[in-house]
N, C-alpha and C. Protein backbone atom coordinates (compact mmCIF):
# COMPACT_ATOMS: atom_id res chain seq x y z
N UNK A 1 59.14 -38.06 -55.55
CA UNK A 1 59.32 -37.94 -54.13
C UNK A 1 57.99 -37.72 -53.49
N UNK A 2 57.85 -38.95 -52.73
CA UNK A 2 56.71 -38.88 -51.75
C UNK A 2 56.60 -38.27 -50.40
N UNK A 3 55.59 -37.66 -50.06
CA UNK A 3 55.37 -37.08 -48.82
C UNK A 3 55.29 -37.98 -47.74
N UNK A 4 56.12 -37.62 -46.60
CA UNK A 4 56.04 -38.78 -45.34
C UNK A 4 54.55 -38.91 -44.75
N UNK A 5 54.13 -40.35 -44.53
CA UNK A 5 52.88 -40.41 -44.14
C UNK A 5 52.53 -39.53 -42.88
N UNK A 6 51.52 -38.92 -42.56
CA UNK A 6 51.23 -38.37 -41.02
C UNK A 6 51.10 -39.25 -40.25
N UNK A 7 51.32 -39.24 -39.12
CA UNK A 7 51.31 -40.17 -37.93
C UNK A 7 50.30 -39.15 -37.05
N UNK A 8 49.34 -40.24 -36.74
CA UNK A 8 48.32 -39.55 -35.53
C UNK A 8 48.82 -39.40 -34.19
N UNK A 9 48.82 -38.27 -33.58
CA UNK A 9 49.37 -38.08 -32.49
C UNK A 9 48.34 -37.43 -31.50
N UNK A 10 48.81 -36.85 -30.32
CA UNK A 10 48.01 -36.09 -29.53
C UNK A 10 48.65 -34.71 -29.04
N UNK A 11 48.07 -33.55 -28.79
CA UNK A 11 48.60 -32.54 -28.46
C UNK A 11 47.85 -32.06 -27.00
N UNK A 12 48.70 -32.00 -26.22
CA UNK A 12 47.92 -31.61 -24.84
C UNK A 12 48.20 -30.06 -24.76
N UNK A 13 47.25 -29.51 -24.15
CA UNK A 13 46.98 -27.90 -24.24
C UNK A 13 46.37 -27.39 -22.92
N UNK A 14 46.45 -26.31 -22.50
CA UNK A 14 45.91 -25.59 -21.70
C UNK A 14 45.48 -24.24 -21.96
N UNK A 15 44.14 -23.63 -22.02
CA UNK A 15 43.56 -22.55 -22.49
C UNK A 15 43.32 -21.72 -21.24
N UNK A 16 44.00 -20.79 -21.08
CA UNK A 16 43.60 -19.49 -19.76
C UNK A 16 42.95 -18.52 -20.41
N UNK A 17 41.85 -18.17 -19.62
CA UNK A 17 41.09 -16.82 -20.01
C UNK A 17 41.34 -16.05 -18.84
N UNK A 18 42.25 -14.83 -19.17
CA UNK A 18 42.69 -14.10 -18.24
C UNK A 18 41.93 -12.88 -18.11
N UNK A 19 41.54 -12.41 -16.94
CA UNK A 19 40.77 -11.37 -16.76
C UNK A 19 41.59 -9.93 -16.24
N UNK A 20 40.95 -8.71 -16.53
CA UNK A 20 41.71 -7.57 -15.96
C UNK A 20 41.60 -6.29 -17.05
N UNK A 21 42.04 -5.54 -16.35
CA UNK A 21 42.03 -4.35 -17.40
C UNK A 21 43.42 -3.54 -17.47
N UNK A 22 44.05 -3.02 -18.75
CA UNK A 22 45.20 -2.34 -19.11
C UNK A 22 46.50 -2.99 -18.40
N UNK A 23 47.02 -2.42 -17.71
CA UNK A 23 48.44 -3.09 -17.02
C UNK A 23 48.15 -4.26 -16.29
N UNK A 24 47.15 -4.33 -15.39
CA UNK A 24 46.85 -5.56 -14.91
C UNK A 24 46.54 -6.70 -15.75
N UNK A 25 45.96 -6.41 -16.73
CA UNK A 25 45.79 -7.41 -17.72
C UNK A 25 47.01 -8.08 -18.50
N UNK A 26 47.92 -7.03 -18.57
CA UNK A 26 49.35 -7.22 -19.23
C UNK A 26 50.29 -8.09 -18.13
N UNK A 27 50.19 -7.83 -16.83
CA UNK A 27 50.67 -8.69 -15.95
C UNK A 27 50.31 -10.07 -15.92
N UNK A 28 49.29 -10.22 -15.59
CA UNK A 28 48.34 -11.24 -15.57
C UNK A 28 48.90 -12.20 -16.89
N UNK A 29 48.77 -11.76 -18.06
CA UNK A 29 48.98 -12.52 -18.95
C UNK A 29 50.54 -12.89 -19.18
N UNK A 30 51.38 -11.82 -18.81
CA UNK A 30 53.15 -12.18 -18.57
C UNK A 30 53.04 -13.22 -17.61
N UNK A 31 52.32 -13.48 -16.36
CA UNK A 31 52.37 -14.23 -15.41
C UNK A 31 51.97 -15.65 -15.96
N UNK A 32 50.93 -15.76 -16.68
CA UNK A 32 50.51 -16.92 -17.22
C UNK A 32 51.60 -17.59 -18.22
N UNK A 33 52.01 -16.73 -19.16
CA UNK A 33 52.97 -17.07 -20.22
C UNK A 33 54.37 -17.60 -19.45
N UNK A 34 54.70 -17.05 -18.41
CA UNK A 34 55.98 -17.32 -17.44
C UNK A 34 55.78 -18.68 -17.01
N UNK A 35 54.64 -19.20 -16.55
CA UNK A 35 54.28 -20.27 -15.65
C UNK A 35 54.30 -21.42 -16.57
N UNK A 36 53.97 -20.87 -17.85
CA UNK A 36 53.81 -22.07 -18.73
C UNK A 36 55.06 -22.24 -19.32
N UNK A 37 56.04 -21.42 -19.72
CA UNK A 37 57.41 -21.57 -20.22
C UNK A 37 58.27 -22.46 -18.86
N UNK A 38 58.08 -22.04 -17.64
CA UNK A 38 58.53 -22.70 -16.64
C UNK A 38 58.17 -24.25 -16.24
N UNK A 39 56.99 -24.60 -16.99
CA UNK A 39 56.61 -26.24 -17.34
C UNK A 39 56.54 -26.61 -18.26
N UNK A 40 57.24 -25.94 -19.35
CA UNK A 40 57.78 -26.80 -20.34
C UNK A 40 56.77 -26.40 -21.60
N UNK A 41 55.86 -25.46 -21.45
CA UNK A 41 54.73 -25.35 -22.58
C UNK A 41 55.48 -24.22 -23.43
N UNK A 42 54.88 -23.95 -24.82
CA UNK A 42 55.03 -23.17 -25.63
C UNK A 42 53.69 -22.35 -25.67
N UNK A 43 53.74 -20.89 -25.77
CA UNK A 43 52.54 -20.41 -25.65
C UNK A 43 52.24 -19.37 -26.98
N UNK A 44 50.69 -19.08 -27.05
CA UNK A 44 50.37 -18.25 -28.08
C UNK A 44 49.31 -17.41 -27.33
N UNK A 45 49.42 -15.92 -27.43
CA UNK A 45 48.48 -15.14 -26.78
C UNK A 45 47.55 -14.24 -27.92
N UNK A 46 46.30 -14.41 -27.61
CA UNK A 46 45.35 -13.74 -28.28
C UNK A 46 44.26 -13.12 -27.77
N UNK A 47 44.40 -11.63 -27.32
CA UNK A 47 43.57 -10.98 -26.73
C UNK A 47 43.90 -11.42 -25.15
N UNK A 48 42.76 -11.79 -24.34
CA UNK A 48 42.87 -12.51 -23.08
C UNK A 48 43.12 -13.69 -23.01
N UNK A 49 43.64 -14.43 -23.62
CA UNK A 49 43.26 -15.99 -23.87
C UNK A 49 44.86 -16.39 -24.11
N UNK A 50 45.37 -17.01 -23.33
CA UNK A 50 46.97 -17.69 -23.49
C UNK A 50 46.55 -19.10 -23.69
N UNK A 51 47.02 -19.62 -24.70
CA UNK A 51 47.25 -20.87 -25.19
C UNK A 51 48.71 -21.67 -24.68
N UNK A 52 48.61 -22.44 -23.71
CA UNK A 52 49.98 -23.36 -23.62
C UNK A 52 49.99 -24.67 -24.21
N UNK A 53 50.75 -25.12 -24.67
CA UNK A 53 50.83 -26.09 -25.95
C UNK A 53 52.14 -27.05 -25.67
N UNK A 54 51.74 -28.44 -25.56
CA UNK A 54 53.08 -29.30 -25.28
C UNK A 54 53.38 -29.98 -26.53
N UNK A 55 52.82 -29.54 -27.86
CA UNK A 55 53.50 -30.29 -28.81
C UNK A 55 52.56 -31.39 -29.36
N UNK A 56 53.19 -32.23 -30.37
CA UNK A 56 52.64 -33.33 -30.67
C UNK A 56 53.40 -34.41 -30.10
N UNK A 57 52.45 -35.40 -29.05
CA UNK A 57 52.86 -36.36 -28.31
C UNK A 57 52.56 -37.65 -29.25
N UNK A 58 53.51 -38.59 -29.24
CA UNK A 58 53.21 -39.84 -29.94
C UNK A 58 52.26 -40.76 -28.96
N UNK A 59 51.43 -41.46 -29.23
CA UNK A 59 50.20 -42.10 -28.76
C UNK A 59 50.48 -42.70 -27.34
N UNK A 60 51.74 -43.54 -27.53
CA UNK A 60 52.34 -43.88 -26.14
C UNK A 60 53.01 -43.15 -25.19
N UNK A 61 53.08 -41.77 -25.40
CA UNK A 61 53.76 -40.89 -24.34
C UNK A 61 52.57 -40.24 -23.56
N UNK A 62 53.39 -40.08 -22.20
CA UNK A 62 52.41 -39.47 -21.21
C UNK A 62 52.69 -38.26 -21.12
N UNK A 63 52.29 -37.12 -21.52
CA UNK A 63 52.48 -35.99 -21.34
C UNK A 63 51.80 -35.23 -20.51
N UNK A 64 50.64 -35.68 -19.88
CA UNK A 64 49.92 -35.03 -19.10
C UNK A 64 50.21 -34.77 -17.92
N UNK A 65 51.52 -35.01 -17.34
CA UNK A 65 52.09 -34.71 -16.13
C UNK A 65 52.52 -33.37 -16.14
N UNK A 66 53.09 -32.90 -17.23
CA UNK A 66 53.57 -31.34 -17.44
C UNK A 66 52.34 -30.57 -17.40
N UNK A 67 51.08 -30.77 -18.09
CA UNK A 67 50.08 -30.36 -18.12
C UNK A 67 49.37 -30.20 -16.63
N UNK A 68 49.38 -31.10 -16.09
CA UNK A 68 48.91 -30.83 -14.93
C UNK A 68 49.74 -30.12 -13.88
N UNK A 69 50.95 -30.29 -13.86
CA UNK A 69 51.87 -29.42 -13.08
C UNK A 69 51.42 -27.62 -13.55
N UNK A 70 51.41 -27.42 -14.73
CA UNK A 70 50.99 -26.23 -15.25
C UNK A 70 49.92 -25.67 -14.41
N UNK A 71 48.65 -26.71 -14.71
CA UNK A 71 47.21 -26.37 -14.07
C UNK A 71 47.34 -26.09 -12.65
N UNK A 72 48.03 -26.76 -11.82
CA UNK A 72 48.19 -26.50 -10.28
C UNK A 72 48.97 -25.10 -10.10
N UNK A 73 49.92 -25.17 -10.94
CA UNK A 73 50.54 -23.87 -10.69
C UNK A 73 49.75 -22.43 -11.13
N UNK A 74 49.01 -22.77 -12.07
CA UNK A 74 48.25 -21.56 -12.54
C UNK A 74 47.09 -21.40 -11.56
N UNK A 75 46.47 -22.57 -10.92
CA UNK A 75 45.39 -22.13 -9.96
C UNK A 75 46.22 -21.69 -8.52
N UNK A 76 47.41 -21.87 -7.99
CA UNK A 76 47.88 -21.36 -7.20
C UNK A 76 48.45 -19.89 -7.13
N UNK A 77 48.79 -19.57 -8.33
CA UNK A 77 49.38 -18.28 -8.48
C UNK A 77 48.18 -17.16 -9.07
N UNK A 78 47.20 -17.83 -10.07
CA UNK A 78 46.64 -16.98 -10.72
C UNK A 78 44.98 -17.34 -10.31
N UNK A 79 44.36 -17.53 -9.41
CA UNK A 79 43.10 -18.09 -8.94
C UNK A 79 42.00 -17.64 -9.93
N UNK A 80 42.03 -16.45 -10.28
CA UNK A 80 40.82 -15.70 -10.87
C UNK A 80 40.95 -15.82 -12.31
N UNK A 81 41.65 -17.11 -12.77
CA UNK A 81 41.62 -17.07 -14.27
C UNK A 81 40.68 -18.44 -14.54
N UNK A 82 40.16 -18.42 -15.70
CA UNK A 82 39.38 -19.45 -16.03
C UNK A 82 40.05 -20.40 -16.90
N UNK A 83 40.37 -22.16 -16.55
CA UNK A 83 40.98 -22.76 -17.43
C UNK A 83 40.41 -23.94 -18.18
N UNK A 84 40.61 -24.09 -19.39
CA UNK A 84 40.23 -25.27 -19.82
C UNK A 84 41.58 -26.20 -20.56
N UNK A 85 41.15 -27.22 -20.31
CA UNK A 85 42.60 -28.08 -20.73
C UNK A 85 41.52 -29.27 -21.27
N UNK A 86 42.86 -29.96 -22.34
CA UNK A 86 42.36 -30.99 -23.00
C UNK A 86 43.66 -31.36 -24.16
N UNK A 87 43.34 -32.69 -24.41
CA UNK A 87 44.45 -33.18 -25.46
C UNK A 87 43.57 -33.38 -26.53
N UNK A 88 44.23 -32.90 -27.67
CA UNK A 88 43.32 -33.04 -29.05
C UNK A 88 44.20 -34.01 -30.00
N UNK A 89 43.66 -35.01 -30.53
CA UNK A 89 43.98 -35.60 -31.42
C UNK A 89 44.16 -35.22 -33.00
N UNK A 90 45.61 -35.24 -33.54
CA UNK A 90 45.89 -34.41 -34.57
C UNK A 90 46.90 -35.47 -35.52
N UNK A 91 46.72 -35.20 -36.75
CA UNK A 91 47.81 -35.59 -37.65
C UNK A 91 49.19 -34.87 -37.16
N UNK A 92 50.40 -35.67 -37.16
CA UNK A 92 51.47 -34.77 -37.20
C UNK A 92 51.73 -33.77 -38.41
N UNK A 93 52.53 -33.02 -37.68
CA UNK A 93 52.54 -32.07 -39.04
C UNK A 93 51.64 -30.87 -39.77
N UNK A 94 50.44 -31.02 -38.79
CA UNK A 94 49.49 -29.95 -39.17
C UNK A 94 49.22 -28.77 -38.11
């Protein structure tokens, strides 16, 4: 049995650096995660960093519209956060 070949694909993501202390930080992280979910992203949280991801996209797919809507929503709702956005090429299944 052979393994399926990995197909090169792209992963859209937004990293959100959340600032605050205690309950304020927890509320801001929760708000970022909620906005990501409303805009179709899955999330992972590590400390004050929220990573919103849109999964593996085939090269011909245009997933950046969801990411752009999320960025605009974050800027409106949580202007004190730092955002890093990108599109990383990776083989599917990794």
